[in-house]
N, C-alpha and C. Protein backbone atom coordinates (compact mmCIF):
# COMPACT_ATOMS: atom_id res chain seq x y z
N UNK A 1 -3.12 55.12 9.79
CA UNK A 1 -3.42 54.89 11.12
C UNK A 1 -3.84 56.18 11.81
N UNK A 2 -4.88 56.18 12.51
CA UNK A 2 -5.45 57.39 13.10
C UNK A 2 -4.57 57.92 14.25
N UNK A 3 -4.38 59.20 14.24
CA UNK A 3 -3.60 59.87 15.27
C UNK A 3 -4.25 59.70 16.65
N UNK A 4 -5.62 59.71 16.65
CA UNK A 4 -6.30 59.60 17.95
C UNK A 4 -6.07 58.28 18.57
N UNK A 5 -6.02 57.19 17.76
CA UNK A 5 -5.74 55.85 18.29
C UNK A 5 -4.28 55.80 18.88
N UNK A 6 -3.33 56.35 18.11
CA UNK A 6 -1.95 56.30 18.65
C UNK A 6 -1.82 57.22 19.86
N UNK A 7 -2.46 58.35 19.92
CA UNK A 7 -2.43 59.19 21.03
C UNK A 7 -2.99 58.53 22.30
N UNK A 8 -4.08 57.79 22.15
CA UNK A 8 -4.65 57.05 23.25
C UNK A 8 -3.70 55.97 23.76
N UNK A 9 -3.07 55.25 22.84
CA UNK A 9 -2.12 54.19 23.24
C UNK A 9 -0.95 54.84 23.99
N UNK A 10 -0.49 55.97 23.52
CA UNK A 10 0.64 56.64 24.12
C UNK A 10 0.25 57.04 25.54
N UNK A 11 -0.94 57.50 25.78
CA UNK A 11 -1.39 57.90 27.11
C UNK A 11 -1.48 56.67 28.04
N UNK A 12 -1.83 55.55 27.48
CA UNK A 12 -1.93 54.27 28.26
C UNK A 12 -0.58 53.69 28.59
N UNK A 13 0.43 53.99 27.74
CA UNK A 13 1.76 53.46 27.92
C UNK A 13 2.43 54.06 29.13
N UNK A 14 3.55 53.41 29.55
CA UNK A 14 4.20 53.88 30.73
C UNK A 14 5.58 54.43 30.46
N UNK A 15 6.00 55.42 31.22
CA UNK A 15 7.38 55.83 31.09
C UNK A 15 8.33 54.67 31.49
N UNK A 16 9.56 54.73 31.03
CA UNK A 16 10.50 53.63 31.15
C UNK A 16 10.53 53.02 32.52
N UNK A 17 10.81 53.89 33.57
CA UNK A 17 10.96 53.36 34.98
C UNK A 17 9.75 52.66 35.47
N UNK A 18 8.57 53.20 35.13
CA UNK A 18 7.31 52.57 35.57
C UNK A 18 7.07 51.25 34.85
N UNK A 19 7.40 51.24 33.59
CA UNK A 19 7.24 49.99 32.80
C UNK A 19 8.16 48.87 33.38
N UNK A 20 9.40 49.21 33.68
CA UNK A 20 10.31 48.22 34.26
C UNK A 20 9.77 47.62 35.54
N UNK A 21 9.07 48.45 36.35
CA UNK A 21 8.55 47.99 37.65
C UNK A 21 7.40 47.02 37.49
N UNK A 22 6.86 46.83 36.23
CA UNK A 22 5.82 45.88 36.02
C UNK A 22 6.33 44.48 35.99
N UNK A 23 7.62 44.31 35.91
CA UNK A 23 8.21 42.98 35.79
C UNK A 23 8.42 42.32 37.14
N UNK A 24 8.78 41.02 37.04
CA UNK A 24 9.12 40.31 38.29
C UNK A 24 10.50 40.84 38.75
N UNK A 25 10.90 40.46 39.99
CA UNK A 25 12.16 40.91 40.49
C UNK A 25 13.29 40.60 39.60
N UNK A 26 13.27 39.39 39.01
CA UNK A 26 14.38 39.00 38.11
C UNK A 26 14.32 39.78 36.82
N UNK A 27 13.17 40.02 36.29
CA UNK A 27 13.04 40.83 35.09
C UNK A 27 13.55 42.29 35.38
N UNK A 28 13.11 42.78 36.49
CA UNK A 28 13.60 44.14 36.82
C UNK A 28 15.13 44.24 36.97
N UNK A 29 15.65 43.16 37.52
CA UNK A 29 17.12 43.07 37.69
C UNK A 29 17.82 43.14 36.36
N UNK A 30 17.32 42.35 35.44
CA UNK A 30 17.93 42.29 34.08
C UNK A 30 17.88 43.65 33.39
N UNK A 31 16.73 44.27 33.42
CA UNK A 31 16.53 45.60 32.81
C UNK A 31 17.46 46.60 33.49
N UNK A 32 17.57 46.62 34.79
CA UNK A 32 18.36 47.54 35.55
C UNK A 32 19.86 47.26 35.26
N UNK A 33 20.25 46.05 35.21
CA UNK A 33 21.64 45.65 34.95
C UNK A 33 22.07 46.25 33.55
N UNK A 34 21.27 46.05 32.55
CA UNK A 34 21.63 46.55 31.22
C UNK A 34 21.59 48.06 31.18
N UNK A 35 20.55 48.66 31.77
CA UNK A 35 20.49 50.13 31.79
C UNK A 35 21.68 50.70 32.49
N UNK A 36 22.06 50.15 33.63
CA UNK A 36 23.21 50.62 34.40
C UNK A 36 24.54 50.51 33.60
N UNK A 37 24.64 49.37 32.88
CA UNK A 37 25.85 49.10 32.11
C UNK A 37 26.00 50.05 30.94
N UNK A 38 24.91 50.73 30.53
CA UNK A 38 24.96 51.64 29.36
C UNK A 38 25.00 53.10 29.80
N UNK A 39 25.37 53.37 31.03
CA UNK A 39 25.35 54.73 31.56
C UNK A 39 26.15 55.72 30.70
N UNK A 40 27.23 55.26 30.17
CA UNK A 40 28.13 56.15 29.41
C UNK A 40 28.12 55.73 27.90
N UNK A 41 27.11 55.04 27.46
CA UNK A 41 27.07 54.57 26.09
C UNK A 41 26.93 55.60 25.05
N UNK A 42 26.19 56.67 25.34
CA UNK A 42 25.93 57.73 24.37
C UNK A 42 27.17 58.57 24.24
N UNK A 43 27.66 58.71 23.00
CA UNK A 43 28.91 59.42 22.73
C UNK A 43 28.63 60.88 22.69
N UNK A 44 29.74 61.69 22.79
CA UNK A 44 29.59 63.15 22.78
C UNK A 44 28.97 63.60 21.37
N UNK A 45 29.39 62.94 20.34
CA UNK A 45 28.76 63.32 19.01
C UNK A 45 27.30 62.98 18.97
N UNK A 46 26.95 61.84 19.54
CA UNK A 46 25.50 61.56 19.59
C UNK A 46 24.73 62.52 20.45
N UNK A 47 25.35 62.90 21.53
CA UNK A 47 24.70 63.93 22.43
C UNK A 47 24.48 65.28 21.64
N UNK A 48 25.53 65.64 20.99
CA UNK A 48 25.36 66.91 20.19
C UNK A 48 24.27 66.85 19.20
N UNK A 49 24.15 65.75 18.48
CA UNK A 49 23.02 65.58 17.52
C UNK A 49 21.68 65.59 18.16
N UNK A 50 21.58 64.85 19.28
CA UNK A 50 20.28 64.78 19.95
C UNK A 50 19.94 66.12 20.58
N UNK A 51 20.85 66.84 21.09
CA UNK A 51 20.61 68.15 21.64
C UNK A 51 20.22 69.16 20.62
N UNK A 52 20.53 68.87 19.33
CA UNK A 52 20.17 69.76 18.23
C UNK A 52 18.74 69.53 17.72
N UNK A 53 18.07 68.50 18.25
CA UNK A 53 16.67 68.23 17.81
C UNK A 53 15.80 69.42 18.21
N UNK A 54 14.94 69.94 17.26
CA UNK A 54 14.03 70.99 17.59
C UNK A 54 12.58 70.58 17.50
N UNK A 55 12.25 69.47 16.90
CA UNK A 55 10.91 68.99 16.85
C UNK A 55 10.67 67.92 17.96
N UNK A 56 9.44 68.02 18.50
CA UNK A 56 9.09 67.03 19.56
C UNK A 56 8.82 65.67 18.86
N UNK A 57 9.29 64.66 19.56
CA UNK A 57 9.08 63.27 19.06
C UNK A 57 8.45 62.44 20.23
N UNK A 58 7.39 61.68 19.87
CA UNK A 58 6.82 60.77 20.82
C UNK A 58 7.26 59.41 20.34
N UNK A 59 7.85 58.57 21.18
CA UNK A 59 8.39 57.24 20.78
C UNK A 59 7.58 56.22 21.60
N UNK A 60 6.80 55.41 20.90
CA UNK A 60 6.01 54.38 21.58
C UNK A 60 6.59 53.02 21.28
N UNK A 61 7.00 52.30 22.33
CA UNK A 61 7.63 50.99 22.12
C UNK A 61 6.61 49.86 22.54
N UNK A 62 6.32 49.06 21.60
CA UNK A 62 5.56 47.85 21.84
C UNK A 62 6.53 46.83 22.41
N UNK A 63 6.36 46.35 23.58
CA UNK A 63 7.39 45.59 24.28
C UNK A 63 6.83 44.44 25.12
N UNK A 64 7.67 43.64 25.53
CA UNK A 64 7.35 42.51 26.50
C UNK A 64 8.41 42.65 27.63
N UNK A 65 8.02 42.74 28.82
CA UNK A 65 8.97 42.85 29.95
C UNK A 65 9.85 41.66 30.09
N UNK A 66 9.37 40.56 29.56
CA UNK A 66 10.03 39.23 29.57
C UNK A 66 11.02 39.05 28.48
N UNK A 67 11.05 39.92 27.48
CA UNK A 67 11.75 39.78 26.26
C UNK A 67 13.26 40.12 26.36
N UNK A 68 14.15 39.23 25.97
CA UNK A 68 15.55 39.48 26.08
C UNK A 68 16.04 40.57 25.11
N UNK A 69 15.38 40.64 23.92
CA UNK A 69 15.75 41.71 22.99
C UNK A 69 15.32 43.06 23.56
N UNK A 70 14.17 43.08 24.19
CA UNK A 70 13.69 44.34 24.80
C UNK A 70 14.69 44.78 25.89
N UNK A 71 15.16 43.83 26.66
CA UNK A 71 16.14 44.16 27.77
C UNK A 71 17.38 44.78 27.15
N UNK A 72 17.80 44.32 25.97
CA UNK A 72 19.00 44.82 25.38
C UNK A 72 18.87 45.89 24.34
N UNK A 73 17.61 46.35 24.15
CA UNK A 73 17.47 47.52 23.18
C UNK A 73 16.70 48.64 23.81
N UNK A 74 15.67 48.40 24.62
CA UNK A 74 14.87 49.46 25.12
C UNK A 74 15.67 50.43 26.05
N UNK A 75 16.60 49.90 26.86
CA UNK A 75 17.43 50.86 27.62
C UNK A 75 18.29 51.72 26.83
N UNK A 76 18.67 51.26 25.59
CA UNK A 76 19.43 52.16 24.71
C UNK A 76 18.57 53.29 24.18
N UNK A 77 17.34 52.97 23.77
CA UNK A 77 16.39 53.98 23.36
C UNK A 77 16.17 54.95 24.50
N UNK A 78 15.98 54.48 25.68
CA UNK A 78 15.78 55.38 26.84
C UNK A 78 17.00 56.29 27.06
N UNK A 79 18.19 55.74 26.91
CA UNK A 79 19.41 56.54 27.12
C UNK A 79 19.47 57.64 26.08
N UNK A 80 19.10 57.40 24.78
CA UNK A 80 19.01 58.45 23.76
C UNK A 80 18.01 59.51 24.13
N UNK A 81 16.85 59.06 24.54
CA UNK A 81 15.77 60.03 24.91
C UNK A 81 16.15 60.92 26.07
N UNK A 82 16.86 60.39 26.99
CA UNK A 82 17.26 61.14 28.20
C UNK A 82 18.13 62.38 27.85
N UNK A 83 18.88 62.26 26.78
CA UNK A 83 19.77 63.34 26.40
C UNK A 83 18.98 64.60 26.07
N UNK A 84 17.81 64.45 25.43
CA UNK A 84 16.99 65.59 25.11
C UNK A 84 15.56 65.33 25.51
N UNK A 85 15.34 65.17 26.80
CA UNK A 85 14.05 64.90 27.34
C UNK A 85 13.00 66.01 27.06
N UNK A 86 13.37 67.16 26.67
CA UNK A 86 12.48 68.17 26.35
C UNK A 86 11.82 67.94 25.02
N UNK A 87 12.46 67.16 24.18
CA UNK A 87 12.00 66.91 22.77
C UNK A 87 11.60 65.49 22.50
N UNK A 88 12.09 64.56 23.32
CA UNK A 88 11.83 63.11 23.06
C UNK A 88 11.19 62.49 24.29
N UNK A 89 9.97 62.00 24.05
CA UNK A 89 9.25 61.30 25.08
C UNK A 89 9.08 59.83 24.73
N UNK A 90 9.50 58.96 25.55
CA UNK A 90 9.45 57.52 25.34
C UNK A 90 8.42 56.92 26.27
N UNK A 91 7.57 56.03 25.70
CA UNK A 91 6.64 55.25 26.52
C UNK A 91 6.71 53.84 25.99
N UNK A 92 6.46 52.90 26.92
CA UNK A 92 6.42 51.44 26.59
C UNK A 92 5.08 50.93 26.90
N UNK A 93 4.63 50.00 26.03
CA UNK A 93 3.29 49.38 26.18
C UNK A 93 3.41 47.94 25.93
N UNK A 94 2.75 47.14 26.76
CA UNK A 94 2.79 45.68 26.72
C UNK A 94 2.09 45.18 25.42
N UNK A 95 2.83 44.34 24.70
CA UNK A 95 2.33 43.80 23.47
C UNK A 95 1.05 42.97 23.69
N UNK A 96 1.06 42.09 24.65
CA UNK A 96 -0.04 41.18 24.86
C UNK A 96 -1.25 41.90 25.44
N UNK A 97 -1.06 42.92 26.20
CA UNK A 97 -2.20 43.64 26.82
C UNK A 97 -2.84 44.57 25.77
N UNK A 98 -2.17 44.90 24.71
CA UNK A 98 -2.66 45.85 23.73
C UNK A 98 -2.59 45.27 22.32
N UNK A 99 -3.20 44.12 22.14
CA UNK A 99 -3.21 43.39 20.87
C UNK A 99 -3.81 44.27 19.71
N UNK A 100 -4.71 45.17 20.06
CA UNK A 100 -5.24 46.01 19.00
C UNK A 100 -4.27 46.88 18.36
N UNK A 101 -3.13 47.14 19.06
CA UNK A 101 -2.01 47.89 18.58
C UNK A 101 -0.98 46.91 18.01
N UNK A 102 -0.56 45.96 18.76
CA UNK A 102 0.51 45.08 18.34
C UNK A 102 0.22 44.29 17.08
N UNK A 103 -1.11 43.92 16.87
CA UNK A 103 -1.45 43.22 15.65
C UNK A 103 -1.35 44.06 14.40
N UNK A 104 -1.32 45.35 14.55
CA UNK A 104 -1.19 46.28 13.44
C UNK A 104 0.29 46.39 13.01
N UNK A 105 1.22 45.95 13.86
CA UNK A 105 2.61 46.08 13.64
C UNK A 105 3.33 44.73 13.69
N UNK A 106 2.73 43.73 13.21
CA UNK A 106 3.38 42.39 13.20
C UNK A 106 4.53 42.45 12.18
N UNK A 107 5.59 41.74 12.51
CA UNK A 107 6.77 41.68 11.64
C UNK A 107 6.90 40.27 11.14
N UNK A 108 7.03 40.04 9.81
CA UNK A 108 7.20 38.76 9.26
C UNK A 108 6.20 37.76 9.79
N UNK A 109 4.96 38.24 9.92
CA UNK A 109 3.76 37.48 10.36
C UNK A 109 3.87 37.05 11.82
N UNK A 110 4.70 37.76 12.65
CA UNK A 110 4.87 37.43 13.99
C UNK A 110 4.61 38.58 14.87
N UNK A 111 4.23 38.33 16.11
CA UNK A 111 4.03 39.42 17.15
C UNK A 111 5.38 39.62 17.83
N UNK A 112 6.25 40.34 17.11
CA UNK A 112 7.61 40.55 17.60
C UNK A 112 7.67 41.78 18.50
N UNK A 113 8.68 41.80 19.33
CA UNK A 113 9.01 42.95 20.17
C UNK A 113 10.55 43.05 20.29
N UNK A 114 11.06 44.24 20.48
CA UNK A 114 10.33 45.49 20.52
C UNK A 114 10.04 46.00 19.10
N UNK A 115 8.95 46.69 18.99
CA UNK A 115 8.54 47.46 17.82
C UNK A 115 8.43 48.95 18.27
N UNK A 116 9.21 49.79 17.69
CA UNK A 116 9.27 51.19 18.08
C UNK A 116 8.51 52.02 17.06
N UNK A 117 7.54 52.76 17.51
CA UNK A 117 6.76 53.66 16.68
C UNK A 117 7.26 55.12 16.93
N UNK A 118 7.68 55.77 15.90
CA UNK A 118 8.09 57.08 15.95
C UNK A 118 6.92 58.00 15.56
N UNK A 119 6.53 58.86 16.42
CA UNK A 119 5.34 59.67 16.27
C UNK A 119 5.64 61.15 16.35
N UNK A 120 4.98 61.99 15.54
CA UNK A 120 5.11 63.50 15.67
C UNK A 120 4.49 63.95 16.92
N UNK A 121 4.63 65.19 17.16
CA UNK A 121 4.06 65.86 18.36
C UNK A 121 2.57 65.60 18.43
N UNK A 122 1.89 65.58 17.27
CA UNK A 122 0.47 65.36 17.24
C UNK A 122 0.07 63.88 17.07
N UNK A 123 1.05 63.03 17.22
CA UNK A 123 0.85 61.54 17.15
C UNK A 123 0.60 60.99 15.70
N UNK A 124 1.05 61.82 14.72
CA UNK A 124 1.05 61.27 13.39
C UNK A 124 2.21 60.29 13.24
N UNK A 125 1.90 59.15 12.70
CA UNK A 125 2.94 58.10 12.56
C UNK A 125 3.94 58.46 11.51
N UNK A 126 5.20 58.48 11.95
CA UNK A 126 6.35 58.81 11.06
C UNK A 126 7.08 57.55 10.63
N UNK A 127 7.14 56.55 11.49
CA UNK A 127 7.80 55.32 11.10
C UNK A 127 7.76 54.30 12.20
N UNK A 128 7.89 53.06 11.82
CA UNK A 128 7.95 51.94 12.72
C UNK A 128 9.28 51.22 12.48
N UNK A 129 9.91 50.80 13.60
CA UNK A 129 11.15 50.15 13.54
C UNK A 129 11.16 48.97 14.49
N UNK A 130 11.52 47.78 13.97
CA UNK A 130 11.53 46.65 14.84
C UNK A 130 11.90 45.42 14.06
N UNK A 131 12.09 44.43 14.67
CA UNK A 131 12.20 44.17 16.09
C UNK A 131 13.63 44.25 16.60
N UNK A 132 14.58 44.11 15.71
CA UNK A 132 15.98 44.22 16.06
C UNK A 132 16.65 45.12 15.08
N UNK A 133 17.69 45.81 15.53
CA UNK A 133 18.48 46.63 14.61
C UNK A 133 19.41 45.69 13.78
N UNK A 134 19.97 46.24 12.75
CA UNK A 134 20.86 45.47 11.88
C UNK A 134 21.99 44.86 12.64
N UNK A 135 22.68 45.69 13.49
CA UNK A 135 23.79 45.16 14.26
C UNK A 135 23.38 44.09 15.26
N UNK A 136 22.22 44.22 15.83
CA UNK A 136 21.70 43.19 16.74
C UNK A 136 21.55 41.89 16.00
N UNK A 137 20.87 41.94 14.78
CA UNK A 137 20.72 40.78 14.02
C UNK A 137 22.06 40.14 13.61
N UNK A 138 23.02 40.94 13.25
CA UNK A 138 24.31 40.45 12.84
C UNK A 138 24.98 39.73 14.10
N UNK A 139 24.92 40.29 15.21
CA UNK A 139 25.49 39.69 16.45
C UNK A 139 24.79 38.36 16.74
N UNK A 140 23.50 38.31 16.71
CA UNK A 140 22.79 37.10 16.97
C UNK A 140 23.10 36.04 15.96
N UNK A 141 23.16 36.45 14.67
CA UNK A 141 23.50 35.52 13.64
C UNK A 141 24.85 34.91 13.81
N UNK A 142 25.81 35.69 14.32
CA UNK A 142 27.14 35.15 14.59
C UNK A 142 27.07 34.07 15.62
N UNK A 143 26.25 34.25 16.66
CA UNK A 143 26.19 33.38 17.82
C UNK A 143 25.31 32.14 17.57
N UNK A 144 24.26 32.40 16.79
CA UNK A 144 23.31 31.28 16.64
C UNK A 144 22.50 31.49 15.35
N UNK A 145 22.16 30.42 14.75
CA UNK A 145 21.22 30.47 13.58
C UNK A 145 20.01 29.56 13.81
N UNK A 146 19.70 29.28 15.11
CA UNK A 146 18.58 28.47 15.48
C UNK A 146 17.35 29.38 15.82
N UNK A 147 16.39 28.69 16.34
CA UNK A 147 15.11 29.35 16.65
C UNK A 147 15.02 29.89 18.05
N UNK A 148 16.10 29.69 18.83
CA UNK A 148 15.99 30.13 20.26
C UNK A 148 16.05 31.65 20.34
N UNK A 149 15.47 32.16 21.38
CA UNK A 149 15.44 33.61 21.60
C UNK A 149 16.49 33.98 22.67
N UNK A 150 17.21 35.11 22.53
CA UNK A 150 18.10 35.52 23.60
C UNK A 150 17.30 35.77 24.86
N UNK A 151 17.92 35.43 25.93
CA UNK A 151 17.21 35.53 27.24
C UNK A 151 17.45 36.84 28.01
N UNK A 152 18.49 37.58 27.60
CA UNK A 152 18.79 38.76 28.40
C UNK A 152 19.58 38.40 29.68
N UNK A 153 20.00 37.17 29.82
CA UNK A 153 20.77 36.76 31.02
C UNK A 153 22.20 37.28 30.97
N UNK A 154 22.75 37.30 29.78
CA UNK A 154 24.16 37.75 29.65
C UNK A 154 24.14 39.04 28.75
N UNK A 155 24.86 39.96 29.18
CA UNK A 155 24.92 41.26 28.43
C UNK A 155 25.76 41.07 27.16
N UNK A 156 25.42 41.76 26.05
CA UNK A 156 26.22 41.67 24.88
C UNK A 156 27.56 42.41 25.06
N UNK A 157 28.49 42.11 24.14
CA UNK A 157 29.84 42.76 24.35
C UNK A 157 29.66 44.26 24.00
N UNK A 158 30.68 45.03 24.39
CA UNK A 158 30.63 46.48 24.25
C UNK A 158 30.45 46.93 22.78
N UNK A 159 31.18 46.28 21.90
CA UNK A 159 31.09 46.59 20.51
C UNK A 159 29.66 46.45 19.93
N UNK A 160 29.04 45.40 20.33
CA UNK A 160 27.59 45.18 19.93
C UNK A 160 26.74 46.27 20.52
N UNK A 161 26.91 46.62 21.71
CA UNK A 161 26.08 47.63 22.38
C UNK A 161 26.35 48.98 21.62
N UNK A 162 27.55 49.32 21.34
CA UNK A 162 27.84 50.59 20.63
C UNK A 162 27.18 50.63 19.31
N UNK A 163 27.34 49.48 18.54
CA UNK A 163 26.80 49.41 17.17
C UNK A 163 25.28 49.44 17.22
N UNK A 164 24.65 48.80 18.14
CA UNK A 164 23.20 48.82 18.25
C UNK A 164 22.73 50.17 18.66
N UNK A 165 23.43 50.79 19.55
CA UNK A 165 23.07 52.17 19.96
C UNK A 165 23.10 53.10 18.75
N UNK A 166 24.13 52.93 17.88
CA UNK A 166 24.29 53.79 16.73
C UNK A 166 23.14 53.49 15.74
N UNK A 167 22.72 52.23 15.62
CA UNK A 167 21.51 51.94 14.75
C UNK A 167 20.36 52.68 15.24
N UNK A 168 20.13 52.71 16.57
CA UNK A 168 18.97 53.41 17.12
C UNK A 168 19.17 54.96 16.93
N UNK A 169 20.41 55.43 17.15
CA UNK A 169 20.66 56.86 16.92
C UNK A 169 20.32 57.23 15.48
N UNK A 170 20.72 56.43 14.52
CA UNK A 170 20.47 56.73 13.15
C UNK A 170 18.94 56.86 12.93
N UNK A 171 18.15 55.98 13.49
CA UNK A 171 16.69 56.03 13.36
C UNK A 171 16.13 57.28 14.04
N UNK A 172 16.64 57.65 15.17
CA UNK A 172 16.15 58.87 15.82
C UNK A 172 16.47 60.10 14.99
N UNK A 173 17.69 60.15 14.40
CA UNK A 173 18.05 61.25 13.57
C UNK A 173 17.27 61.29 12.26
N UNK A 174 17.02 60.13 11.68
CA UNK A 174 16.21 60.07 10.47
C UNK A 174 14.78 60.64 10.74
N UNK A 175 14.24 60.23 11.86
CA UNK A 175 12.88 60.67 12.18
C UNK A 175 12.86 62.15 12.50
N UNK A 176 13.88 62.65 13.18
CA UNK A 176 13.97 64.08 13.50
C UNK A 176 14.06 64.87 12.21
N UNK A 177 14.82 64.39 11.26
CA UNK A 177 14.98 65.15 9.99
C UNK A 177 13.66 65.10 9.24
N UNK A 178 12.95 63.95 9.30
CA UNK A 178 11.65 63.88 8.70
C UNK A 178 10.71 64.99 9.25
N UNK A 179 10.73 65.07 10.55
CA UNK A 179 9.87 66.06 11.30
C UNK A 179 10.34 67.49 10.96
N UNK A 180 11.66 67.67 10.93
CA UNK A 180 12.24 69.01 10.73
C UNK A 180 11.93 69.52 9.32
N UNK A 181 11.89 68.65 8.33
CA UNK A 181 11.70 69.00 6.95
C UNK A 181 10.21 68.87 6.52
N UNK A 182 9.37 68.39 7.40
CA UNK A 182 7.93 68.25 7.11
C UNK A 182 7.33 69.57 6.67
N UNK A 183 6.77 69.64 5.46
CA UNK A 183 6.13 70.90 5.02
C UNK A 183 5.04 71.35 6.02
N UNK A 184 4.21 70.44 6.56
CA UNK A 184 3.13 70.89 7.47
C UNK A 184 3.73 71.43 8.77
N UNK A 185 4.82 70.88 9.30
CA UNK A 185 5.36 71.35 10.54
C UNK A 185 6.23 72.61 10.30
N UNK A 186 6.85 72.72 9.12
CA UNK A 186 7.56 73.94 8.82
C UNK A 186 6.63 75.13 8.71
N UNK A 187 5.46 74.82 8.09
CA UNK A 187 4.41 75.91 7.96
C UNK A 187 3.90 76.29 9.33
N UNK A 188 3.66 75.27 10.20
CA UNK A 188 3.19 75.59 11.57
C UNK A 188 4.13 76.41 12.33
N UNK A 189 5.46 76.16 12.23
CA UNK A 189 6.45 76.84 13.01
C UNK A 189 7.17 77.96 12.28
N UNK A 190 6.86 78.13 11.04
CA UNK A 190 7.42 79.21 10.23
C UNK A 190 8.90 79.12 10.04
N UNK A 191 9.37 77.91 9.90
CA UNK A 191 10.83 77.70 9.71
C UNK A 191 11.09 76.87 8.50
């Protein structure tokens, strides 16, 4: 995938707060409710790890403002990024408005959301992660095995939030280590 294409999509995407404002009042309420409920979700250990990041990361989330899974995962990604805003930039982009991007990242033959693209400072693709973390899938499987989609109306329990946050933290750390150990970036920075 061309870096110029991903760079252009990143420029068109919105920072978290602006993205949330694109929703209806009810959608905004749901996103705000979950974001506010996760104010202290990031642990001291996670903070230490995030603050140790030395490589810049651009995180592009293909999302749907209407999506219950996005409501319960994107705020967690934002919370992680806020810990080290100097190194982690998050942007969200609407799946349906940017099909030229979302169709390249279909999951299991579906247009799923959220799909999170981890990009280097120069917008080189490092990895794609979506649509749900392992703990999110486990929690949903415990509650239902049907085709219905979570609505985001009710917040998940605290254990699910902590486990899902840790899943996201593991991906952030994995991507940072990829960037930190990259021969091309090590040569660039002489480290």
